[in-house]
Amino acid sequence: MLVLSRHRDESIMIGDNVMITIVDIRGDKVRLGIEAPQDIPVHRQEVYEAIKRENQKAARVNPSEITDIGK
């Protein structure tokens, strides 16, 4: 893991097209601004993990269990 120190209004670049900016620092919370192309999904980790779980669950559904879709 790369650990960087940044002050408010400073940024880091990931590759050529993702920029993360420190927007605000209040106590033990840091607000980040993330600029990325629309084709790169950006989620909080807990949201990403929930999406991943739901996708895995959906992939296990047997097509015979699905009825009346599109009627």
C-alpha atoms as a PDB file:
ATOM      1  CA  MET A   1       0.000   0.000   0.000  1.00  0.00           C
ATOM      2  CA  LEU A   2       1.286   3.433  -0.926  1.00  0.00           C
ATOM      3  CA  VAL A   3       0.671   5.984   1.848  1.00  0.00           C
ATOM      4  CA  LEU A   4       0.742   9.669   0.917  1.00  0.00           C
ATOM      5  CA  SER A   5       0.355  12.826   2.967  1.00  0.00           C
ATOM      6  CA  ARG A   6      -1.763  15.583   1.443  1.00  0.00           C
ATOM      7  CA  HIS A   7      -3.190  18.887   2.662  1.00  0.00           C
ATOM      8  CA  ARG A   8      -6.635  20.276   1.861  1.00  0.00           C
ATOM      9  CA  ASP A   9      -7.002  21.202  -1.830  1.00  0.00           C
ATOM     10  CA  GLU A  10      -4.057  18.975  -2.825  1.00  0.00           C
ATOM     11  CA  SER A  11      -4.540  16.040  -5.176  1.00  0.00           C
ATOM     12  CA  ILE A  12      -3.065  12.753  -6.265  1.00  0.00           C
ATOM     13  CA  MET A  13      -3.290  11.200  -9.718  1.00  0.00           C
ATOM     14  CA  ILE A  14      -4.013   7.550 -10.434  1.00  0.00           C
ATOM     15  CA  GLY A  15      -2.917   6.864 -13.973  1.00  0.00           C
ATOM     16  CA  ASP A  16      -3.623   9.630 -16.453  1.00  0.00           C
ATOM     17  CA  ASN A  17      -7.321  10.102 -15.839  1.00  0.00           C
ATOM     18  CA  VAL A  18      -8.252   9.650 -12.155  1.00  0.00           C
ATOM     19  CA  MET A  19      -7.672  12.544  -9.776  1.00  0.00           C
ATOM     20  CA  ILE A  20      -8.405  12.406  -6.037  1.00  0.00           C
ATOM     21  CA  THR A  21      -8.527  15.750  -4.241  1.00  0.00           C
ATOM     22  CA  ILE A  22      -8.650  16.377  -0.495  1.00  0.00           C
ATOM     23  CA  VAL A  23     -11.739  18.585  -0.214  1.00  0.00           C
ATOM     24  CA  ASP A  24     -12.018  18.975   3.554  1.00  0.00           C
ATOM     25  CA  ILE A  25     -10.559  17.661   6.807  1.00  0.00           C
ATOM     26  CA  ARG A  26     -12.642  17.763   9.995  1.00  0.00           C
ATOM     27  CA  GLY A  27     -11.339  15.917  13.013  1.00  0.00           C
ATOM     28  CA  ASP A  28     -10.893  12.288  12.004  1.00  0.00           C
ATOM     29  CA  LYS A  29     -12.878  12.612   8.733  1.00  0.00           C
ATOM     30  CA  VAL A  30     -11.474  13.433   5.332  1.00  0.00           C
ATOM     31  CA  ARG A  31     -13.723  14.418   2.420  1.00  0.00           C
ATOM     32  CA  LEU A  32     -12.433  13.354  -0.976  1.00  0.00           C
ATOM     33  CA  GLY A  33     -13.353  14.557  -4.434  1.00  0.00           C
ATOM     34  CA  ILE A  34     -12.838  11.973  -7.168  1.00  0.00           C
ATOM     35  CA  GLU A  35     -12.681  12.838 -10.857  1.00  0.00           C
ATOM     36  CA  ALA A  36     -12.751   9.789 -13.118  1.00  0.00           C
ATOM     37  CA  PRO A  37     -14.095   8.927 -16.566  1.00  0.00           C
ATOM     38  CA  GLN A  38     -17.723   7.766 -16.545  1.00  0.00           C
ATOM     39  CA  ASP A  39     -16.690   4.256 -17.603  1.00  0.00           C
ATOM     40  CA  ILE A  40     -14.738   3.789 -14.348  1.00  0.00           C
ATOM     41  CA  PRO A  41     -17.103   2.953 -11.479  1.00  0.00           C
ATOM     42  CA  VAL A  42     -16.324   4.671  -8.182  1.00  0.00           C
ATOM     43  CA  HIS A  43     -17.964   3.345  -5.004  1.00  0.00           C
ATOM     44  CA  ARG A  44     -17.358   3.366  -1.278  1.00  0.00           C
ATOM     45  CA  GLN A  45     -15.912  -0.016  -0.285  1.00  0.00           C
ATOM     46  CA  GLU A  46     -19.054  -1.159   1.567  1.00  0.00           C
ATOM     47  CA  VAL A  47     -21.221  -0.321  -1.455  1.00  0.00           C
ATOM     48  CA  TYR A  48     -18.811  -2.117  -3.791  1.00  0.00           C
ATOM     49  CA  GLU A  49     -18.898  -5.233  -1.595  1.00  0.00           C
ATOM     50  CA  ALA A  50     -22.726  -5.175  -1.481  1.00  0.00           C
ATOM     51  CA  ILE A  51     -22.898  -4.904  -5.282  1.00  0.00           C
ATOM     52  CA  LYS A  52     -20.425  -7.770  -5.619  1.00  0.00           C
ATOM     53  CA  ARG A  53     -22.463  -9.978  -3.238  1.00  0.00           C
ATOM     54  CA  GLU A  54     -25.697  -9.244  -5.114  1.00  0.00           C
ATOM     55  CA  ASN A  55     -24.054  -9.997  -8.471  1.00  0.00           C
ATOM     56  CA  GLN A  56     -22.728 -13.307  -7.152  1.00  0.00           C
ATOM     57  CA  LYS A  57     -26.155 -14.171  -5.756  1.00  0.00           C
ATOM     58  CA  ALA A  58     -27.826 -13.314  -9.077  1.00  0.00           C
ATOM     59  CA  ALA A  59     -25.311 -15.464 -10.974  1.00  0.00           C
ATOM     60  CA  ARG A  60     -26.372 -18.492  -8.918  1.00  0.00           C
ATOM     61  CA  VAL A  61     -30.075 -18.199  -9.841  1.00  0.00           C
ATOM     62  CA  ASN A  62     -31.285 -21.167 -11.835  1.00  0.00           C
ATOM     63  CA  PRO A  63     -33.074 -19.938 -15.008  1.00  0.00           C
ATOM     64  CA  SER A  64     -35.917 -22.395 -14.297  1.00  0.00           C
ATOM     65  CA  GLU A  65     -36.645 -20.463 -11.080  1.00  0.00           C
ATOM     66  CA  ILE A  66     -37.434 -17.315 -13.073  1.00  0.00           C
ATOM     67  CA  THR A  67     -40.992 -17.207 -14.412  1.00  0.00           C
ATOM     68  CA  ASP A  68     -43.199 -14.666 -16.123  1.00  0.00           C
ATOM     69  CA  ILE A  69     -40.418 -12.195 -16.933  1.00  0.00           C
ATOM     70  CA  GLY A  70     -41.452  -9.926 -19.769  1.00  0.00           C
ATOM     71  CA  LYS A  71     -45.124 -10.928 -19.777  1.00  0.00           C
END
